[in-house]
N, C-alpha and C. Protein backbone atom coordinates (compact mmCIF):
# COMPACT_ATOMS: atom_id res chain seq x y z
N UNK A 1 22.79 65.41 93.54
CA UNK A 1 21.97 65.69 92.71
C UNK A 1 22.56 66.14 91.52
N UNK A 2 23.27 67.14 91.41
CA UNK A 2 23.76 67.90 90.27
C UNK A 2 24.56 66.88 89.46
N UNK A 3 25.12 66.05 89.85
CA UNK A 3 25.58 64.80 89.06
C UNK A 3 24.53 64.13 88.63
N UNK A 4 23.40 63.75 89.15
CA UNK A 4 22.74 63.13 88.31
C UNK A 4 21.70 63.82 87.13
N UNK A 5 21.86 65.33 87.43
CA UNK A 5 21.21 65.87 86.26
C UNK A 5 22.16 66.10 84.88
N UNK A 6 23.29 66.04 85.41
CA UNK A 6 24.15 66.38 84.69
C UNK A 6 24.85 64.59 83.67
N UNK A 7 24.47 63.93 84.54
CA UNK A 7 24.56 62.71 83.71
C UNK A 7 23.26 62.12 82.65
N UNK A 8 21.90 62.95 83.23
CA UNK A 8 20.93 62.76 82.78
C UNK A 8 21.04 63.37 81.04
N UNK A 9 21.74 64.65 81.24
CA UNK A 9 21.90 65.69 80.38
C UNK A 9 22.69 64.90 79.15
N UNK A 10 23.58 64.03 79.59
CA UNK A 10 24.79 63.70 78.82
C UNK A 10 23.97 62.01 77.70
N UNK A 11 23.50 61.57 78.88
CA UNK A 11 22.71 60.43 78.32
C UNK A 11 21.79 60.95 77.09
N UNK A 12 20.83 62.03 77.64
CA UNK A 12 20.23 62.96 76.57
C UNK A 12 20.62 63.06 75.44
N UNK A 13 21.94 63.52 75.52
CA UNK A 13 22.25 64.24 74.27
C UNK A 13 22.87 62.82 73.18
N UNK A 14 23.28 62.00 74.01
CA UNK A 14 23.33 60.53 72.97
C UNK A 14 21.75 59.89 72.69
N UNK A 15 21.39 60.22 73.53
CA UNK A 15 19.90 59.74 72.72
C UNK A 15 19.30 60.60 71.42
N UNK A 16 19.90 61.69 71.79
CA UNK A 16 19.33 62.59 70.76
C UNK A 16 20.32 62.46 69.43
N UNK A 17 21.86 62.25 69.56
CA UNK A 17 22.52 62.04 68.44
C UNK A 17 21.92 60.49 68.01
N UNK A 18 21.41 59.34 68.52
CA UNK A 18 21.15 58.35 67.78
C UNK A 18 19.86 58.69 67.07
N UNK A 19 19.18 59.60 67.56
CA UNK A 19 17.98 59.66 66.79
C UNK A 19 18.27 60.84 65.47
N UNK A 20 19.20 61.48 65.41
CA UNK A 20 19.68 62.15 64.52
C UNK A 20 20.49 61.44 63.42
N UNK A 21 21.26 60.34 63.98
CA UNK A 21 21.85 59.37 62.78
C UNK A 21 20.70 58.27 62.50
N UNK A 22 19.61 58.06 62.86
CA UNK A 22 18.68 57.15 62.32
C UNK A 22 17.50 57.91 61.67
N UNK A 23 17.51 59.24 61.58
CA UNK A 23 16.54 60.44 60.75
C UNK A 23 17.37 60.54 59.59
N UNK A 24 19.27 60.43 59.82
CA UNK A 24 20.12 60.41 58.56
C UNK A 24 19.83 59.32 57.44
N UNK A 25 19.82 57.90 58.21
CA UNK A 25 19.69 56.63 57.43
C UNK A 25 18.18 57.09 56.94
N UNK A 26 17.13 57.14 57.56
CA UNK A 26 15.92 57.39 56.98
C UNK A 26 15.97 58.52 55.35
N UNK A 27 16.40 59.47 55.77
CA UNK A 27 16.71 60.45 54.49
C UNK A 27 17.28 59.71 53.45
N UNK A 28 18.20 58.64 53.66
CA UNK A 28 18.92 58.43 52.57
C UNK A 28 18.21 57.23 52.16
N UNK A 29 17.43 56.75 52.87
CA UNK A 29 16.16 55.84 52.05
C UNK A 29 15.17 56.09 51.32
N UNK A 30 15.00 57.37 51.87
CA UNK A 30 13.91 58.34 50.71
C UNK A 30 14.61 58.80 49.56
N UNK A 31 15.52 59.15 49.96
CA UNK A 31 16.31 59.55 48.49
C UNK A 31 16.53 58.88 47.63
N UNK A 32 16.06 57.22 47.78
CA UNK A 32 16.61 56.26 46.63
C UNK A 32 15.06 56.36 45.89
N UNK A 33 13.56 56.80 46.64
CA UNK A 33 12.88 56.84 45.57
C UNK A 33 12.70 57.99 44.54
N UNK A 34 11.97 57.62 43.50
CA UNK A 34 11.72 58.43 42.44
C UNK A 34 11.46 59.74 42.87
N UNK A 35 12.34 60.81 42.40
CA UNK A 35 12.32 62.43 42.40
C UNK A 35 10.60 62.70 42.28
N UNK A 36 10.30 63.26 43.36
CA UNK A 36 8.95 63.99 43.13
C UNK A 36 9.25 65.27 44.25
N UNK A 37 8.39 65.92 44.04
CA UNK A 37 8.35 67.13 45.00
C UNK A 37 8.17 67.03 46.56
N UNK A 38 7.42 65.88 47.16
CA UNK A 38 7.45 65.35 48.28
C UNK A 38 8.40 64.58 48.70
N UNK A 39 9.19 64.00 48.07
CA UNK A 39 10.91 63.52 48.35
C UNK A 39 11.52 64.78 48.54
N UNK A 40 11.08 65.69 47.98
CA UNK A 40 12.27 66.78 48.19
C UNK A 40 11.98 67.56 49.47
N UNK A 41 10.44 67.57 49.47
CA UNK A 41 10.13 68.57 50.79
C UNK A 41 10.71 67.70 52.20
N UNK A 42 10.53 66.35 51.87
CA UNK A 42 10.90 65.61 53.00
C UNK A 42 12.63 65.60 53.33
N UNK A 43 13.18 65.51 52.26
CA UNK A 43 14.78 65.92 52.52
C UNK A 43 15.04 67.09 52.97
N UNK A 44 14.35 67.91 52.63
CA UNK A 44 14.54 69.44 53.23
C UNK A 44 14.33 69.59 54.82
N UNK A 45 12.79 68.94 55.08
CA UNK A 45 12.21 68.78 56.58
C UNK A 45 13.20 68.03 57.31
N UNK A 46 13.77 66.64 56.90
CA UNK A 46 14.68 65.78 57.66
C UNK A 46 16.07 66.63 58.02
N UNK A 47 16.35 67.53 56.91
CA UNK A 47 17.95 68.26 57.28
C UNK A 47 17.67 68.92 58.30
N UNK A 48 16.38 69.95 58.38
CA UNK A 48 16.35 70.86 59.02
C UNK A 48 16.31 70.20 60.70
N UNK A 49 15.35 69.04 60.82
CA UNK A 49 15.47 68.27 62.19
C UNK A 49 16.56 67.80 62.50
N UNK A 50 17.63 67.15 61.79
CA UNK A 50 18.82 66.91 61.85
C UNK A 50 19.68 67.86 62.70
N UNK A 51 19.78 69.20 61.94
CA UNK A 51 20.64 70.14 62.27
C UNK A 51 19.90 70.83 63.85
N UNK A 52 18.79 70.62 63.97
CA UNK A 52 18.48 71.22 65.44
C UNK A 52 18.67 70.14 66.40
N UNK A 53 18.32 68.60 65.91
CA UNK A 53 18.97 67.54 66.95
C UNK A 53 20.25 67.74 67.22
N UNK A 54 21.13 67.97 66.42
CA UNK A 54 22.49 68.05 66.55
C UNK A 54 22.84 69.26 67.40
N UNK A 55 22.27 70.13 67.05
CA UNK A 55 22.19 71.52 68.05
C UNK A 55 22.12 71.27 69.28
N UNK A 56 21.05 70.69 69.84
CA UNK A 56 20.22 70.44 71.08
C UNK A 56 21.20 69.15 71.65
N UNK A 57 21.80 68.40 71.10
CA UNK A 57 23.00 67.30 71.87
C UNK A 57 23.69 68.08 72.00
N UNK A 58 24.24 69.37 71.45
CA UNK A 58 25.88 69.86 71.39
C UNK A 58 25.37 70.34 72.80
N UNK A 59 24.44 71.21 73.02
CA UNK A 59 23.89 72.10 73.83
C UNK A 59 23.64 71.12 75.09
N UNK A 60 23.23 69.84 75.27
CA UNK A 60 22.87 69.23 76.32
C UNK A 60 24.69 68.81 76.56
N UNK A 61 25.19 68.45 75.88
CA UNK A 61 26.69 67.58 76.30
C UNK A 61 27.30 68.80 77.06
N UNK A 62 27.56 69.81 76.40
CA UNK A 62 28.10 70.33 77.02
C UNK A 62 27.96 71.15 78.48
N UNK A 63 26.24 71.18 78.36
CA UNK A 63 25.80 71.33 80.12
C UNK A 63 26.03 70.25 81.00
N UNK A 64 25.94 69.28 80.46
CA UNK A 64 26.25 67.74 80.95
C UNK A 64 27.67 67.84 81.59
N UNK A 65 28.68 68.04 80.90
CA UNK A 65 30.26 67.91 81.34
C UNK A 65 30.24 69.19 81.98
N UNK A 66 30.13 70.46 81.78
CA UNK A 66 30.26 71.39 82.47
C UNK A 66 29.68 70.99 84.31
N UNK A 67 28.48 70.49 84.33
CA UNK A 67 27.98 70.17 85.50
C UNK A 67 28.65 69.13 86.18
N UNK A 68 28.95 68.32 85.32
CA UNK A 68 30.18 67.13 85.88
C UNK A 68 31.19 67.96 86.82
N UNK A 69 31.92 68.65 85.91
CA UNK A 69 33.04 69.06 86.48
C UNK A 69 33.27 70.19 87.46
N UNK A 70 31.61 70.56 87.41
CA UNK A 70 31.90 71.65 88.92
C UNK A 70 31.19 70.94 90.16
N UNK A 71 30.70 69.64 89.76
CA UNK A 71 30.27 68.72 90.93
C UNK A 71 31.05 68.27 91.44
N UNK A 72 31.99 68.15 90.71
CA UNK A 72 33.99 67.33 90.88
C UNK A 72 34.55 68.05 91.75
N UNK A 73 34.38 69.38 91.40
CA UNK A 73 35.21 70.52 92.45
C UNK A 73 34.73 70.70 93.59
N UNK A 74 33.55 70.38 93.52
CA UNK A 74 32.90 71.17 94.90
C UNK A 74 33.25 70.00 96.24
N UNK A 75 33.27 70.66 97.23
CA UNK A 75 33.57 70.07 98.47
C UNK A 75 32.38 68.99 99.01
N UNK A 76 32.82 67.81 99.26
CA UNK A 76 31.33 67.38 99.58
C UNK A 76 31.16 67.39 100.87
N UNK A 77 29.88 67.80 101.39
CA UNK A 77 29.29 68.05 102.86
C UNK A 77 29.54 66.92 103.54
N UNK A 78 29.66 67.72 105.15
CA UNK A 78 30.23 66.51 105.95
C UNK A 78 28.71 66.44 106.98
């Protein structure tokens, strides 16, 4: 069961990475619009979202890798 949770954490980290990349592409597309305060607000907000997504993805991938390594070291029950 620990391997399943670890695998799900790694898959979740990859999904969060893809979402962060999509948000960055969206931010680039919004930056091509004429400069207004709302465009600046969107850029600031999306930058914060990207940072949070990357931090959460990093946390999940580290926990997932650690759990996979720990489950690989444990002896199977007979």
